[in-house]
Protein backbone atom coordinates (compact mmCIF):
# COMPACT_ATOMS: atom_id res chain seq x y z
CA MET A 1 -15.89 20.21 -11.72
CA SER A 2 -13.32 17.71 -12.92
CA THR A 3 -13.99 13.98 -12.73
CA ALA A 4 -10.41 13.12 -13.73
CA PRO A 5 -8.70 10.86 -11.28
CA GLY A 6 -6.17 12.46 -8.93
CA ARG A 7 -2.55 11.40 -8.64
CA VAL A 8 -1.85 8.00 -7.16
CA LEU A 9 1.39 7.12 -5.38
CA VAL A 10 2.40 3.49 -5.92
CA VAL A 11 4.89 2.14 -3.46
CA GLY A 12 6.74 -1.00 -4.60
CA GLY A 13 5.82 -0.47 -8.25
CA THR A 14 8.74 -2.61 -9.55
CA GLY A 15 7.78 -5.68 -7.52
CA ARG A 16 5.73 -8.68 -8.55
CA THR A 17 2.42 -7.14 -7.56
CA GLY A 18 3.31 -3.47 -7.99
CA ARG A 19 4.17 -3.66 -11.66
CA HIS A 20 0.65 -5.03 -12.34
CA VAL A 21 -0.89 -2.18 -10.34
CA VAL A 22 1.21 0.35 -12.31
CA SER A 23 0.19 -1.25 -15.62
CA LEU A 24 -3.55 -1.15 -14.77
CA LEU A 25 -3.38 2.44 -13.58
CA ARG A 26 -1.43 3.52 -16.67
CA GLU A 27 -4.06 1.83 -18.92
CA ALA A 28 -6.72 3.83 -17.10
CA ASP A 29 -4.75 7.08 -17.63
CA VAL A 30 -4.46 7.66 -13.90
CA PRO A 31 -1.73 10.14 -13.06
CA LEU A 32 1.01 8.22 -11.21
CA ARG A 33 3.99 8.78 -8.96
CA LEU A 34 6.13 5.88 -7.90
CA LEU A 35 8.28 5.52 -4.82
CA VAL A 36 11.11 3.24 -5.92
CA ARG A 37 14.52 2.33 -4.54
CA ASP A 38 16.20 1.96 -7.95
CA ARG A 39 15.54 4.49 -10.70
CA ALA A 40 17.34 2.50 -13.42
CA ARG A 41 15.36 -0.69 -12.61
CA ALA A 42 12.07 1.26 -12.61
CA GLU A 43 12.82 2.83 -16.00
CA ALA A 44 13.99 -0.46 -17.49
CA GLU A 45 10.99 -2.45 -16.26
CA LEU A 46 8.23 0.15 -16.52
CA GLY A 47 9.43 2.48 -19.23
CA ALA A 48 10.21 6.15 -19.33
CA GLY A 49 7.97 9.08 -18.52
CA LEU A 50 6.98 8.10 -15.00
CA ASP A 51 7.12 10.49 -12.04
CA LEU A 52 9.66 8.71 -9.81
CA VAL A 53 10.68 9.45 -6.25
CA VAL A 54 13.82 7.48 -5.42
CA GLY A 55 14.50 6.27 -1.90
CA ASP A 56 13.68 3.79 0.82
CA ALA A 57 10.41 4.10 2.74
CA LEU A 58 12.30 3.33 5.91
CA ASP A 59 14.44 6.46 5.91
CA LEU A 60 13.40 8.81 3.11
CA ASP A 61 11.76 12.15 3.78
CA LEU A 62 8.34 11.09 2.49
CA GLY A 63 6.84 14.55 2.26
CA PRO A 64 7.82 15.18 -1.39
CA ALA A 65 6.55 11.74 -2.43
CA PHE A 66 3.10 12.55 -1.04
CA ALA A 67 2.83 16.11 -2.34
CA GLY A 68 -0.24 16.42 -4.55
CA VAL A 69 -1.23 12.77 -4.10
CA GLU A 70 -4.89 11.83 -3.51
CA ARG A 71 -4.46 8.06 -3.10
CA VAL A 72 -1.76 5.54 -2.26
CA VAL A 73 -1.40 1.91 -3.26
CA SER A 74 1.38 0.19 -1.29
CA THR A 75 2.63 -3.13 -2.54
CA LEU A 76 5.78 -2.85 -0.45
CA GLY A 77 7.03 -6.24 0.71
CA SER A 78 10.35 -7.65 1.85
CA ARG A 79 9.82 -11.23 0.63
CA ASP A 80 11.37 -12.39 3.91
CA VAL A 81 8.20 -14.02 5.22
CA HIS A 82 9.61 -16.01 8.17
CA GLY A 83 12.70 -13.99 8.85
CA GLY A 84 13.04 -10.52 10.28
CA GLY A 85 11.83 -8.69 7.16
CA LEU A 86 8.25 -8.48 8.32
CA ARG A 87 9.22 -6.76 11.55
CA THR A 88 12.22 -4.81 10.29
CA VAL A 89 10.95 -3.73 6.87
CA ASP A 90 7.29 -4.31 6.08
CA LEU A 91 5.61 -3.17 9.29
CA PRO A 92 7.79 -0.12 10.08
CA ALA A 93 7.84 1.07 6.46
CA THR A 94 4.08 0.74 6.22
CA ALA A 95 3.65 2.64 9.49
CA ARG A 96 5.84 5.43 8.09
CA LEU A 97 3.81 5.50 4.85
CA VAL A 98 0.51 5.66 6.69
CA ALA A 99 1.76 8.51 8.91
CA ALA A 100 2.97 10.43 5.87
CA ALA A 101 -0.37 9.86 4.13
CA ARG A 102 -2.20 11.21 7.14
CA GLU A 103 0.02 14.24 7.29
CA ALA A 104 -0.47 14.92 3.54
CA GLY A 105 -4.25 14.53 3.78
CA VAL A 106 -4.37 11.53 1.44
CA ALA A 107 -7.99 10.41 0.87
CA ARG A 108 -7.34 6.63 0.46
CA PHE A 109 -4.56 4.22 1.37
CA VAL A 110 -4.67 0.73 -0.13
CA LEU A 111 -2.29 -1.88 1.31
CA CYS A 112 -1.68 -4.92 -0.83
CA SER A 113 0.03 -7.48 1.32
CA THR A 114 0.46 -11.15 1.93
CA ILE A 115 1.17 -10.52 5.61
CA GLY A 116 -0.67 -13.26 7.44
CA ALA A 117 -1.18 -15.45 4.34
CA VAL A 118 1.10 -18.02 5.91
CA PRO A 119 1.43 -18.68 9.63
CA THR A 120 3.88 -16.12 11.01
CA PRO A 121 4.52 -15.83 14.76
CA GLY A 122 3.08 -12.63 16.13
CA VAL A 123 0.87 -11.88 13.10
CA PRO A 124 -2.87 -12.58 13.33
CA ARG A 125 -4.40 -14.86 10.75
CA THR A 126 -7.66 -12.90 10.60
CA CYS A 127 -8.85 -9.46 11.53
CA SER A 128 -11.85 -7.23 11.02
CA SER A 129 -12.40 -3.55 10.28
CA GLY A 130 -13.40 -1.56 13.34
CA SER A 131 -15.92 -3.07 15.69
CA ARG A 132 -18.45 -3.98 13.04
CA PRO A 133 -18.90 -7.79 12.96
CA ARG A 134 -18.59 -9.74 9.78
CA ALA A 135 -20.37 -12.83 8.65
CA ARG A 136 -16.97 -14.36 7.93
CA PRO A 137 -13.49 -13.07 8.84
CA ARG A 138 -11.24 -12.14 5.96
CA PRO A 139 -7.99 -14.14 5.66
CA SER A 140 -4.56 -12.64 5.18
CA CYS A 141 -4.67 -9.42 7.06
CA ALA A 142 -2.49 -7.60 9.47
CA PRO A 143 -3.06 -4.54 11.66
CA ALA A 144 -3.01 -1.36 9.57
CA ALA A 145 -4.28 2.13 10.01
CA SER A 146 -6.44 4.31 7.83
CA PRO A 147 -4.99 7.65 6.87
CA SER A 148 -8.23 9.27 7.89
CA PRO A 149 -8.52 9.50 11.69
CA SER A 150 -12.31 9.37 11.42
CA SER A 151 -12.49 6.14 9.49
CA ALA A 152 -12.13 2.54 10.65
CA PRO A 153 -8.80 0.75 10.40
CA ALA A 154 -7.95 -0.48 6.92
CA VAL A 155 -8.18 -4.17 6.17
CA CYS A 156 -5.89 -6.19 3.98
CA THR A 157 -7.85 -8.93 2.36
CA THR A 158 -7.71 -11.76 -0.15
CA ALA A 159 -11.47 -12.33 -0.17
CA PRO A 160 -14.44 -10.10 -0.85
CA PRO A 161 -16.59 -9.19 2.11
CA THR A 162 -19.62 -11.35 2.81
CA THR A 163 -22.89 -10.34 4.30
CA ARG A 164 -25.86 -12.17 5.71
CA ALA A 165 -29.30 -11.56 4.25
């Protein structure tokens, strides 16, 4: 039985957060695939030899990007915090990615996001995972879904969970 890590799809790998995720996963010899909008930028910033799928998460057939992928790390973000980007890019693209992950049987979906880090109309400042109470709510989270129908909704967080003794 192999203990080698399975392929990870990184979405937004050329962005400010994504390039750090890619660097850490490469250092750990994790097999990667990147969903990028610009092949030339990805190759210039991250180097050659990466498995790249080129397209936009809003309209690309995501099936090929998810083929053979065990886990996903999405750092997708529009940078348009107060404008329409959250509603027209971040949330619909993330919903498409989660749906594609479910369909592909992806085991884990990690969403790295600053959604909710600053007050944004219509976006909650705190949320919790499922119905299990927490000692303290986690800041900076937005509604998201887990690819596994049997697990609780995923939580975006900037703070580690806390528990009461």
